[in-house]
Protein backbone atom coordinates (compact mmCIF):
# COMPACT_ATOMS: atom_id res chain seq x y z
CA MET A 1 -4.74 24.69 12.74
CA THR A 2 -1.63 26.55 11.71
CA ASP A 3 -1.70 28.68 8.54
CA TRP A 4 0.71 26.51 6.55
CA SER A 5 -1.50 23.44 7.00
CA SER A 6 -4.23 24.68 4.60
CA GLY A 7 -6.84 22.91 6.70
CA TYR A 8 -4.96 19.60 6.74
CA VAL A 9 -4.37 17.83 10.06
CA SER A 10 -0.81 18.68 11.08
CA ASP A 11 -0.56 18.09 14.83
CA ILE A 12 -0.91 14.32 14.64
CA GLY A 13 1.40 12.39 12.34
CA TYR A 14 0.43 10.28 9.35
CA THR A 15 0.74 6.49 9.52
CA TYR A 16 4.02 4.71 8.65
CA GLY A 17 2.91 2.70 5.63
CA VAL A 18 4.63 1.23 2.60
CA TYR A 19 2.42 1.24 -0.48
CA SER A 20 3.24 -1.52 -2.95
CA GLU A 21 1.42 0.28 -5.78
CA LEU A 22 4.37 2.71 -5.84
CA ASN A 23 6.85 -0.10 -6.54
CA PRO A 24 7.98 0.25 -10.19
CA LEU A 25 8.12 -3.54 -10.54
CA ARG A 26 4.46 -3.87 -9.68
CA VAL A 27 3.62 -1.13 -12.17
CA ARG A 28 5.48 -3.10 -14.85
CA LEU A 29 3.64 -6.36 -14.14
CA ALA A 30 0.26 -4.61 -14.09
CA PHE A 31 0.99 -3.02 -17.47
CA LEU A 32 2.19 -6.32 -18.93
CA ASN A 33 -0.99 -8.03 -17.80
CA ALA A 34 -3.05 -5.24 -19.38
CA GLY A 35 -1.02 -5.54 -22.61
CA LEU A 36 0.41 -2.02 -22.37
CA VAL A 37 3.87 -0.62 -23.01
CA PHE A 38 5.40 0.35 -19.66
CA PRO A 39 7.96 3.11 -19.02
CA GLU A 40 11.43 2.55 -17.65
CA HIS A 41 11.41 4.20 -14.24
CA GLY A 42 14.49 6.40 -14.29
CA HIS A 43 12.88 9.23 -12.29
CA ALA A 44 9.89 9.01 -9.98
CA CYS A 45 8.08 11.43 -7.71
CA GLU A 46 5.77 10.98 -4.72
CA LEU A 47 3.64 13.99 -3.88
CA GLY A 48 2.51 13.94 -0.26
CA PHE A 49 4.77 11.15 0.99
CA GLY A 50 3.59 11.29 4.63
CA GLN A 51 6.21 9.88 6.97
CA GLY A 52 8.34 8.95 3.96
CA VAL A 53 8.82 5.27 4.79
CA SER A 54 7.35 4.18 1.46
CA VAL A 55 9.37 6.58 -0.69
CA ASN A 56 12.57 5.67 1.15
CA VAL A 57 11.97 1.93 0.85
CA HIS A 58 11.37 2.24 -2.89
CA ALA A 59 14.35 4.56 -3.33
CA ALA A 60 16.64 2.12 -1.54
CA ALA A 61 15.26 -1.07 -3.07
CA SER A 62 14.99 -0.04 -6.71
CA GLY A 63 17.20 1.69 -9.22
CA THR A 64 14.75 4.57 -9.51
CA ALA A 65 15.74 8.12 -8.54
CA TRP A 66 12.99 9.47 -6.29
CA HIS A 67 11.89 13.02 -5.55
CA GLY A 68 9.02 14.13 -3.37
CA THR A 69 7.50 16.56 -0.94
CA ASP A 70 5.27 16.56 2.12
CA PHE A 71 4.15 19.85 3.62
CA ASN A 72 4.53 18.65 7.22
CA PRO A 73 8.09 19.52 8.37
CA ALA A 74 8.14 16.90 11.12
CA GLN A 75 7.26 14.16 8.64
CA ALA A 76 9.64 15.51 6.01
CA GLY A 77 12.40 15.68 8.62
CA PHE A 78 11.98 11.99 9.47
CA ALA A 79 11.87 11.09 5.78
CA ARG A 80 15.07 13.03 5.08
CA GLU A 81 16.76 11.30 8.01
CA LEU A 82 15.95 7.90 6.49
CA ALA A 83 17.15 9.09 3.09
CA ALA A 84 20.47 10.21 4.57
CA VAL A 85 20.91 6.86 6.33
CA SER A 86 20.22 4.74 3.26
CA GLY A 87 22.28 6.89 0.92
CA ALA A 88 19.85 6.06 -1.89
CA GLY A 89 19.71 9.71 -2.98
CA ALA A 90 16.01 10.43 -2.51
CA CYS A 91 15.46 14.20 -2.75
CA LEU A 92 12.73 15.02 -0.25
CA THR A 93 11.40 18.41 0.89
CA ASP A 94 8.70 19.95 3.09
CA GLU A 95 7.44 22.35 0.42
CA SER A 96 3.77 22.88 -0.33
CA PHE A 97 2.47 21.47 -3.60
CA ALA A 98 2.46 24.97 -5.09
CA GLN A 99 6.10 25.55 -4.11
CA PHE A 100 7.38 22.14 -5.14
CA CYS A 101 5.49 21.99 -8.43
CA ALA A 102 6.81 25.42 -9.46
CA ARG A 103 10.48 24.41 -9.11
CA ALA A 104 12.59 24.66 -12.24
CA ASP A 105 15.26 22.18 -11.12
CA LEU A 106 13.14 19.02 -11.20
CA PRO A 107 13.61 16.38 -13.90
CA ASP A 108 10.79 15.11 -16.05
CA PHE A 109 9.29 12.02 -14.44
CA ASP A 110 8.53 8.53 -15.70
CA PHE A 111 6.27 7.88 -12.72
CA ILE A 112 4.35 10.12 -10.32
CA GLY A 113 2.51 8.81 -7.28
CA LEU A 114 -0.43 10.41 -5.45
CA HIS A 115 -1.35 8.03 -2.64
CA GLY A 116 -3.97 9.26 -0.19
CA VAL A 117 -3.78 12.85 -1.44
CA TRP A 118 -6.42 13.61 -4.06
CA SER A 119 -9.52 13.30 -1.88
CA TRP A 120 -8.05 15.35 0.96
CA VAL A 121 -6.87 18.53 -0.76
CA SER A 122 -8.64 21.60 -2.09
CA ASP A 123 -9.64 22.21 -5.69
CA GLU A 124 -6.89 24.83 -5.80
CA ASN A 125 -4.30 22.19 -4.96
CA ARG A 126 -5.86 19.75 -7.43
CA ARG A 127 -5.34 22.32 -10.18
CA VAL A 128 -1.69 22.68 -9.12
CA LEU A 129 -1.26 18.91 -9.28
CA VAL A 130 -2.88 18.54 -12.70
CA ASP A 131 -0.71 21.35 -14.08
CA PHE A 132 2.37 19.60 -12.67
CA LEU A 133 1.32 16.33 -14.33
CA ALA A 134 0.82 18.14 -17.64
CA ARG A 135 4.29 19.69 -17.49
CA LYS A 136 6.45 17.11 -15.75
CA LEU A 137 5.10 13.64 -16.53
CA LYS A 138 6.86 12.27 -19.60
CA VAL A 139 5.04 11.04 -22.65
CA GLY A 140 4.37 7.40 -21.83
CA GLY A 141 4.74 8.17 -18.12
CA VAL A 142 2.50 6.67 -15.45
CA LEU A 143 0.42 8.26 -12.71
CA TYR A 144 -0.61 6.20 -9.71
CA ILE A 145 -3.55 7.76 -7.90
CA SER A 146 -5.69 6.53 -5.01
CA TYR A 147 -8.82 8.27 -3.83
CA ASN A 148 -12.12 7.87 -2.01
CA THR A 149 -15.01 7.19 -4.33
CA GLN A 150 -18.71 6.55 -4.46
CA PRO A 151 -20.85 4.56 -3.96
CA GLY A 152 -18.88 2.99 -1.10
CA TRP A 153 -18.79 6.26 0.82
CA ALA A 154 -22.44 7.18 0.24
CA ALA A 155 -23.69 6.21 3.69
CA MET A 156 -20.65 7.55 5.57
CA CYS A 157 -20.51 10.99 3.94
CA PRO A 158 -23.23 12.45 6.22
CA VAL A 159 -21.64 10.79 9.26
CA ARG A 160 -18.28 12.31 8.40
CA GLU A 161 -19.92 15.76 8.16
CA LEU A 162 -21.67 15.15 11.47
CA MET A 163 -18.38 14.27 13.21
CA THR A 164 -16.32 17.08 11.70
CA ARG A 165 -19.02 19.64 12.56
CA HIS A 166 -19.03 18.42 16.15
CA TYR A 167 -15.22 18.44 16.17
CA ALA A 168 -15.11 22.05 14.94
CA THR A 169 -17.86 23.53 17.10
CA MET A 170 -18.28 21.37 20.22
CA THR A 171 -14.76 20.35 21.22
CA VAL A 172 -11.97 22.37 22.83
CA PRO A 173 -8.80 22.72 20.70
CA ALA A 174 -6.61 22.57 23.80
CA ALA A 175 -7.85 19.02 24.41
CA GLY A 176 -5.74 17.73 21.52
CA THR A 177 -6.72 16.09 18.25
CA GLY A 178 -6.97 12.53 19.53
CA GLN A 179 -9.25 13.39 22.45
CA ARG A 180 -11.42 15.64 20.29
CA ILE A 181 -11.85 12.85 17.73
CA GLY A 182 -12.96 10.53 20.53
CA GLN A 183 -15.56 13.05 21.66
CA SER A 184 -16.91 13.39 18.12
CA LEU A 185 -17.15 9.62 17.79
CA ASP A 186 -19.04 9.52 21.08
CA PHE A 187 -21.46 12.10 19.71
CA ALA A 188 -22.07 10.12 16.51
CA THR A 189 -22.56 6.91 18.52
CA ALA A 190 -25.04 8.60 20.84
CA LEU A 191 -27.01 9.95 17.89
CA LEU A 192 -27.20 6.52 16.23
CA ALA A 193 -28.37 5.04 19.55
CA THR A 194 -31.57 7.10 19.19
CA ASN A 195 -32.41 4.92 16.14
CA PRO A 196 -32.75 7.75 13.58
CA GLY A 197 -34.37 7.11 10.22
CA PHE A 198 -31.02 7.44 8.43
CA ALA A 199 -29.60 4.56 10.48
CA ARG A 200 -32.69 2.43 9.77
CA ALA A 201 -32.22 3.08 6.04
CA ASN A 202 -28.52 2.13 6.37
CA PRO A 203 -28.47 -0.84 8.76
CA ASN A 204 -24.69 -1.39 8.52
CA LEU A 205 -23.93 2.15 9.64
CA ALA A 206 -23.80 1.57 13.40
CA GLY A 207 -21.29 -1.25 12.94
CA LYS A 208 -19.04 0.96 10.80
CA VAL A 209 -19.06 3.75 13.37
CA ASP A 210 -18.35 1.24 16.12
CA MET A 211 -15.30 0.00 14.17
CA LEU A 212 -14.02 3.59 14.00
CA ARG A 213 -13.94 3.74 17.78
CA SER A 214 -11.18 1.13 17.89
CA ALA A 215 -9.25 2.51 14.91
CA ASP A 216 -5.90 4.26 15.20
CA ARG A 217 -6.43 7.96 15.97
CA ALA A 218 -3.77 9.02 13.45
CA TYR A 219 -5.62 7.17 10.69
CA LEU A 220 -8.95 8.71 11.74
CA ALA A 221 -7.48 12.21 11.86
CA HIS A 222 -6.14 12.04 8.31
CA GLU A 223 -9.03 10.09 6.82
CA TYR A 224 -12.00 11.97 8.29
CA PHE A 225 -11.01 15.23 9.95
CA ASN A 226 -9.20 17.32 7.36
CA ARG A 227 -10.97 20.43 6.16
CA ASP A 228 -11.04 19.18 2.57
CA TRP A 229 -12.55 15.76 1.93
CA GLN A 230 -14.27 14.83 -1.30
CA PRO A 231 -15.03 11.32 -2.57
CA MET A 232 -15.00 11.49 -6.35
CA SER A 233 -16.50 9.30 -9.06
CA PHE A 234 -14.30 7.80 -11.77
CA PRO A 235 -15.81 9.99 -14.55
CA ALA A 236 -15.27 13.12 -12.43
CA LEU A 237 -11.60 12.20 -11.90
CA ALA A 238 -11.20 11.55 -15.63
CA GLU A 239 -12.44 15.08 -16.34
CA TRP A 240 -9.92 16.50 -13.87
CA LEU A 241 -7.02 14.60 -15.46
CA ALA A 242 -7.98 15.27 -19.09
CA PRO A 243 -5.93 18.53 -19.37
CA ALA A 244 -2.79 16.50 -18.54
CA LYS A 245 -3.63 14.11 -21.44
CA LEU A 246 -3.93 11.21 -19.05
CA GLU A 247 -6.01 8.13 -19.82
CA PHE A 248 -6.91 5.19 -17.64
CA ALA A 249 -4.43 2.32 -18.03
CA CYS A 250 -5.49 -0.35 -15.54
CA PRO A 251 -6.29 -0.93 -11.87
CA ALA A 252 -3.37 -1.00 -9.46
CA VAL A 253 -5.28 -3.70 -7.55
CA TYR A 254 -4.43 -6.82 -9.54
CA ILE A 255 -7.65 -8.74 -8.89
CA GLU A 256 -9.64 -5.89 -10.46
CA HIS A 257 -8.00 -6.73 -13.80
CA LEU A 258 -10.22 -9.81 -13.74
CA ASP A 259 -13.57 -8.26 -12.90
CA SER A 260 -15.24 -11.62 -13.56
CA ALA A 261 -13.52 -12.86 -10.38
CA ILE A 262 -15.29 -10.35 -8.14
CA VAL A 263 -18.62 -9.77 -9.86
CA THR A 264 -21.35 -12.21 -10.81
CA PRO A 265 -21.57 -13.66 -14.35
CA GLU A 266 -24.65 -11.51 -14.95
CA GLN A 267 -22.79 -8.39 -13.82
CA SER A 268 -19.79 -9.31 -15.97
CA ARG A 269 -21.99 -9.61 -19.06
CA PHE A 270 -23.56 -6.26 -18.23
CA LEU A 271 -20.14 -4.59 -17.97
CA GLN A 272 -19.04 -6.02 -21.30
CA GLY A 273 -21.96 -4.22 -22.92
CA VAL A 274 -20.99 -0.78 -21.58
CA GLY A 275 -19.19 1.03 -24.38
CA ASP A 276 -18.07 4.15 -22.54
CA PRO A 277 -14.90 3.34 -20.52
CA ALA A 278 -15.60 5.85 -17.74
CA LEU A 279 -19.21 4.70 -17.39
CA ARG A 280 -18.01 1.09 -17.28
CA GLN A 281 -15.70 1.86 -14.35
CA LEU A 282 -18.50 3.71 -12.58
CA ALA A 283 -20.83 0.75 -13.08
CA PHE A 284 -18.12 -1.59 -11.75
CA ASP A 285 -17.81 0.60 -8.63
CA PHE A 286 -21.55 0.26 -8.09
CA MET A 287 -21.30 -3.52 -8.37
CA ILE A 288 -18.61 -3.92 -5.71
CA ASN A 289 -19.66 -0.90 -3.63
CA GLN A 290 -16.21 0.60 -4.25
CA GLN A 291 -14.94 2.87 -1.50
CA PHE A 292 -11.28 3.44 -2.37
CA ARG A 293 -9.90 3.26 -5.90
CA ARG A 294 -6.25 2.63 -6.71
CA ASP A 295 -5.44 3.04 -10.38
CA TYR A 296 -2.69 3.61 -12.93
CA TRP A 297 -3.13 6.26 -15.59
CA VAL A 298 -0.78 6.83 -18.51
CA ARG A 299 0.13 9.72 -20.77
CA GLY A 300 -0.27 8.03 -24.11
CA ALA A 301 -1.28 4.39 -23.82
CA ARG A 302 0.37 2.06 -26.34
CA ARG A 303 -0.58 -1.57 -26.72
CA LEU A 304 1.94 -4.39 -26.90
CA ALA A 305 1.66 -6.87 -29.74
CA PRO A 306 0.26 -10.13 -28.33
CA LEU A 307 3.42 -12.15 -28.95
CA GLU A 308 5.61 -9.39 -27.49
CA ARG A 309 3.42 -9.26 -24.38
CA VAL A 310 3.77 -13.01 -23.86
CA ARG A 311 7.53 -12.85 -24.42
CA LEU A 312 7.96 -10.11 -21.83
CA LEU A 313 5.68 -11.87 -19.35
CA ARG A 314 7.74 -15.05 -19.66
CA GLN A 315 10.89 -13.06 -18.90
CA GLN A 316 9.40 -11.51 -15.75
CA ARG A 317 10.97 -12.86 -12.56
CA VAL A 318 8.87 -13.54 -9.47
CA VAL A 319 9.64 -14.81 -5.98
CA LEU A 320 7.66 -16.35 -3.13
CA ALA A 321 7.60 -13.98 -0.14
CA MET A 322 6.02 -16.44 2.31
CA ALA A 323 6.73 -19.89 3.65
CA PRO A 324 4.67 -22.27 1.46
CA GLU A 325 2.69 -23.50 4.47
CA ASP A 326 1.68 -19.94 5.35
CA VAL A 327 0.22 -19.10 1.92
CA VAL A 328 -3.50 -18.31 1.88
CA TYR A 329 -5.55 -18.66 -1.28
CA THR A 330 -7.74 -15.60 -0.91
CA ILE A 331 -7.51 -12.02 -2.13
CA GLN A 332 -9.01 -9.01 -0.39
CA ALA A 333 -10.51 -6.66 -2.99
CA GLY A 334 -11.83 -3.68 -1.09
CA GLN A 335 -14.73 -4.99 0.97
CA ILE A 336 -14.84 -8.30 -0.94
CA GLU A 337 -12.83 -11.45 -0.22
CA VAL A 338 -12.14 -13.57 -3.29
CA SER A 339 -11.28 -17.26 -2.98
CA LEU A 340 -8.73 -18.59 -5.46
CA ASN A 341 -8.72 -22.04 -7.03
CA GLU A 342 -6.11 -23.71 -4.83
CA ALA A 343 -5.63 -26.61 -7.26
CA MET A 344 -4.52 -24.16 -9.96
CA HIS A 345 -2.40 -21.95 -7.70
CA ARG A 346 -0.65 -24.50 -5.50
CA PRO A 347 1.67 -25.75 -8.31
CA VAL A 348 2.98 -22.17 -8.66
CA ILE A 349 3.69 -21.99 -4.93
CA GLU A 350 5.42 -25.38 -4.98
CA ALA A 351 7.60 -24.32 -7.93
CA LEU A 352 8.62 -21.18 -5.99
CA ALA A 353 9.14 -22.96 -2.66
CA ASP A 354 12.95 -22.54 -2.84
CA HIS A 355 12.41 -18.74 -2.44
CA ARG A 356 14.64 -18.04 -5.41
CA PRO A 357 13.43 -15.79 -8.25
CA HIS A 358 12.14 -17.71 -11.25
CA THR A 359 10.90 -16.40 -14.56
CA ILE A 360 7.27 -16.97 -15.44
CA GLY A 361 8.55 -18.94 -18.43
CA GLU A 362 10.35 -21.30 -16.07
CA LEU A 363 7.17 -21.66 -14.02
CA GLU A 364 5.19 -22.55 -17.14
CA GLY A 365 7.46 -25.55 -17.64
CA ALA A 366 7.42 -26.55 -13.97
CA CYS A 367 3.63 -26.32 -13.70
CA ALA A 368 2.95 -28.23 -16.92
CA ALA A 369 3.55 -31.48 -15.01
CA ALA A 370 0.63 -30.52 -12.75
CA GLY A 371 -1.63 -30.13 -15.78
CA LEU A 372 -1.57 -26.34 -16.02
CA THR A 373 -1.45 -24.71 -19.42
CA ALA A 374 0.95 -21.81 -19.99
CA LEU A 375 -1.99 -19.38 -19.86
CA GLN A 376 -3.27 -20.85 -16.59
CA THR A 377 0.21 -20.56 -15.07
CA ARG A 378 0.50 -16.90 -16.07
CA GLN A 379 -2.95 -16.19 -14.66
CA ALA A 380 -2.13 -18.00 -11.41
CA VAL A 381 1.13 -16.09 -11.00
CA PHE A 382 -0.64 -12.77 -11.56
CA GLN A 383 -3.40 -13.58 -9.10
CA MET A 384 -0.93 -14.74 -6.45
CA ALA A 385 1.02 -11.52 -7.05
CA GLY A 386 -2.25 -9.75 -6.26
CA THR A 387 -2.06 -11.24 -2.77
CA GLN A 388 1.58 -10.01 -2.50
CA GLN A 389 2.59 -13.48 -1.33
CA VAL A 390 4.27 -13.81 -4.72
CA GLN A 391 6.09 -10.67 -5.81
CA PRO A 392 7.89 -9.45 -8.95
CA ALA A 393 11.66 -9.72 -8.60
CA GLN A 394 14.51 -7.65 -9.99
CA ASP A 395 17.40 -9.08 -11.98
CA GLU A 396 20.59 -10.01 -10.14
CA ALA A 397 22.48 -6.88 -11.17
CA ALA A 398 19.71 -4.63 -9.81
CA VAL A 399 19.61 -6.66 -6.58
CA GLU A 400 23.33 -6.17 -6.05
CA ARG A 401 23.10 -2.43 -6.71
CA ALA A 402 20.22 -2.00 -4.24
CA LEU A 403 21.61 -4.25 -1.51
CA PRO A 404 23.88 -1.74 0.33
CA ALA A 405 21.18 0.95 0.59
CA CYS A 406 18.59 -1.60 1.75
CA ARG A 407 20.93 -2.93 4.43
CA ARG A 408 21.62 0.56 5.77
CA LEU A 409 17.93 1.49 5.76
CA ASN A 410 16.89 -1.77 7.43
CA GLU A 411 19.49 -1.38 10.15
CA ARG A 412 17.99 2.02 10.94
CA LEU A 413 14.41 0.70 10.90
CA LEU A 414 15.36 -2.15 13.24
CA ALA A 415 16.93 0.37 15.60
CA VAL A 416 13.66 2.33 15.56
CA ALA A 417 11.79 -0.88 16.44
CA GLU A 418 13.76 -1.14 19.67
CA HIS A 419 11.84 1.84 21.03
CA GLY A 420 8.53 1.70 19.14
CA GLY A 421 6.45 -0.40 16.82
CA GLU A 422 4.85 1.79 14.18
CA ILE A 423 6.99 0.84 11.15
CA ASN A 424 6.08 -2.69 10.14
CA TYR A 425 8.10 -2.97 6.92
CA LEU A 426 11.67 -3.59 5.81
CA ALA A 427 13.21 -3.11 2.36
CA SER A 428 13.99 -5.98 -0.01
CA PRO A 429 16.41 -5.47 -2.91
CA VAL A 430 14.98 -8.65 -4.46
CA THR A 431 11.42 -7.34 -4.76
CA GLY A 432 12.37 -3.69 -5.15
CA GLY A 433 9.98 -2.73 -2.37
CA GLY A 434 8.80 -3.36 1.16
CA ILE A 435 8.18 -6.62 2.98
CA PRO A 436 5.76 -6.67 5.93
CA VAL A 437 7.72 -7.42 9.11
CA PRO A 438 5.85 -6.78 12.38
CA ARG A 439 7.71 -5.24 15.30
CA LEU A 440 7.97 -8.55 17.14
CA HIS A 441 9.81 -10.11 14.20
CA GLN A 442 11.95 -7.00 13.97
CA LEU A 443 12.91 -7.50 17.62
CA PHE A 444 13.90 -11.08 16.86
CA LEU A 445 16.05 -9.84 13.96
CA LEU A 446 17.58 -7.18 16.17
CA GLY A 447 18.33 -9.81 18.81
CA LEU A 448 19.99 -12.08 16.26
CA SER A 449 22.13 -9.18 15.02
CA ARG A 450 23.32 -8.66 18.59
CA GLY A 451 24.39 -12.26 19.04
CA HIS A 452 21.30 -13.73 20.74
CA ALA A 453 21.25 -16.92 18.70
CA GLN A 454 19.29 -19.24 21.02
CA PRO A 455 15.47 -19.20 21.23
CA GLY A 456 15.55 -18.54 24.97
CA GLU A 457 17.85 -15.58 24.46
CA LEU A 458 15.52 -14.12 21.83
CA VAL A 459 12.54 -14.53 24.16
CA ALA A 460 14.37 -12.69 26.95
CA PHE A 461 15.51 -9.97 24.53
CA ALA A 462 11.98 -9.42 23.21
CA MET A 463 10.51 -9.50 26.72
CA ALA A 464 12.89 -6.77 27.82
CA LEU A 465 11.59 -4.58 24.98
CA ASN A 466 7.91 -5.23 25.70
CA GLY A 467 7.56 -7.76 22.90
CA GLY A 468 4.99 -9.72 24.88
CA GLN A 469 2.61 -6.78 24.65
CA ASP A 470 3.22 -6.59 20.89
CA LEU A 471 2.18 -10.23 20.59
CA ARG A 472 -1.05 -9.55 22.46
CA LYS A 473 -1.86 -6.64 20.16
CA ALA A 474 -1.18 -8.69 17.06
CA HIS A 475 -3.16 -11.79 18.02
CA GLY A 476 -5.52 -10.62 20.74
CA GLU A 477 -4.26 -13.28 23.11
CA ALA A 478 -4.61 -12.66 26.80
CA ALA A 479 -1.31 -12.97 28.64
CA ALA A 480 -1.61 -11.09 31.88
CA THR A 481 1.45 -12.51 33.63
CA THR A 482 5.10 -12.46 32.67
CA ASP A 483 5.17 -16.25 32.45
CA GLN A 484 2.19 -16.27 30.09
CA GLN A 485 3.83 -13.67 27.86
CA ALA A 486 7.06 -15.68 27.83
CA ALA A 487 5.15 -18.82 26.81
CA LEU A 488 3.52 -16.99 23.91
CA LEU A 489 6.88 -15.56 22.86
CA GLU A 490 8.49 -19.00 22.91
CA ARG A 491 5.93 -20.22 20.39
CA ALA A 492 6.37 -17.07 18.31
CA VAL A 493 10.18 -17.41 18.27
CA ALA A 494 9.94 -21.07 17.25
CA ALA A 495 7.60 -20.26 14.35
CA PHE A 496 9.77 -17.33 13.27
CA LEU A 497 12.98 -19.37 13.24
CA ARG A 498 11.30 -22.31 11.52
CA ARG A 499 9.41 -20.49 8.76
CA ARG A 500 9.97 -16.75 8.48
CA LEU A 501 13.70 -16.14 8.96
CA ALA A 502 14.73 -18.15 5.90
CA VAL A 503 12.29 -16.15 3.76
CA LEU A 504 13.64 -12.79 4.96
CA ARG A 505 17.18 -13.95 4.24
CA ALA A 506 16.22 -15.17 0.77
CA LEU A 507 14.67 -11.78 0.04
CA ALA A 508 17.94 -10.15 1.26
CA VAL A 509 16.04 -8.21 3.92
CA VAL A 510 18.69 -9.34 6.41
CA PRO A 511 22.08 -11.09 5.92
């Protein structure tokens, strides 16, 4: 490790994700559902932005002015390149938290994001971050924070220590991070094969370790192999954040707003009887075996009057981000899959099938014919938004302002897709955030932009850029020969042109 890394993995890059919890529109809808006053997001900051795809997408797609830092200069360099291309004005640096947080030229922030940071830094850095929140987060401002928590990590904590000890003492640094991680996984697998008592007491452990063997090495490096790694309970986090006057607002995972949807009736009744808010969240984590929390905290929570909350909810615009026939009526909440009542949710999807933004008030009227009450419609919209198949939408003026920066950023991301497939998102000025677009679909879009309008031309274009291999990775389909790959691509092109392209155009991802 180099000195500037502070024990954090620096020789293998972070993943290229876009994190919807950092989208100001999703913050707004979460606060409305919780009945809380939400801030206007004039200035936002992401601390530890990784490769910077997420911060750049949100800077381009929303009217928010973003700042941020990531200590890794290679990652910060890529992020700054994207910021220069989009012209959205994101101010991004490669400073350490201590350097960045001490700057006197930063504005006060309405929103600060800490995604995938808190559990992987030292106590010293946590103190720097809390001090920054105390000084720079506005009254009424929101913190988004995600972190590893117990009890979901209870069984894996000793395994993580086992692997990192092997990594540090039994592998050769010259072998490279990826190879060394593989050797440590081999060691853990061999140990579990001896049927130790710990594995017998935790029968799911061997399966979890086996899943790690097929996971992306970059993910494993940053999740498991940093020097600092500390799952933290909700009450412990609350104590850390108390000096910044922060209080829990609501989960950033929408389905967790309705704990009755993911716990049993008996568990729900138990939770209702827990008076201490921090203890209640801890008990909830026990019930769902929570492993990774994603939450919004606020500096001074203020409740909306009930009628004002309903009025604002009815004004909220939403849009369908999928073809209606591709919608699935399930939500993944951590390790739990929740099935939605399709009869209640389908009328919402049908009312949004034109892929134009509609207010929730408009949807209440449209869904009344299907027998839904206004409350049921609002609940259905919120739950479908939890699946991200329905997404909050900006007003037309905001869409027009964001459109040029999104187009420039998307053109650059499509150009990147020509040579690699690690960035699977494009920016939408309609939703103010990122839309999942796998590399294969990006190749189709790139082909269309270069005049390949016919399905056969798109197949040939994608084949030339190894798109057949991308299809195999995505679906696990065996296609050993060129003809087999072409056949799979023909079906993929047909489905894309029939169902997905119109959606991406409606969301202004592409012209």
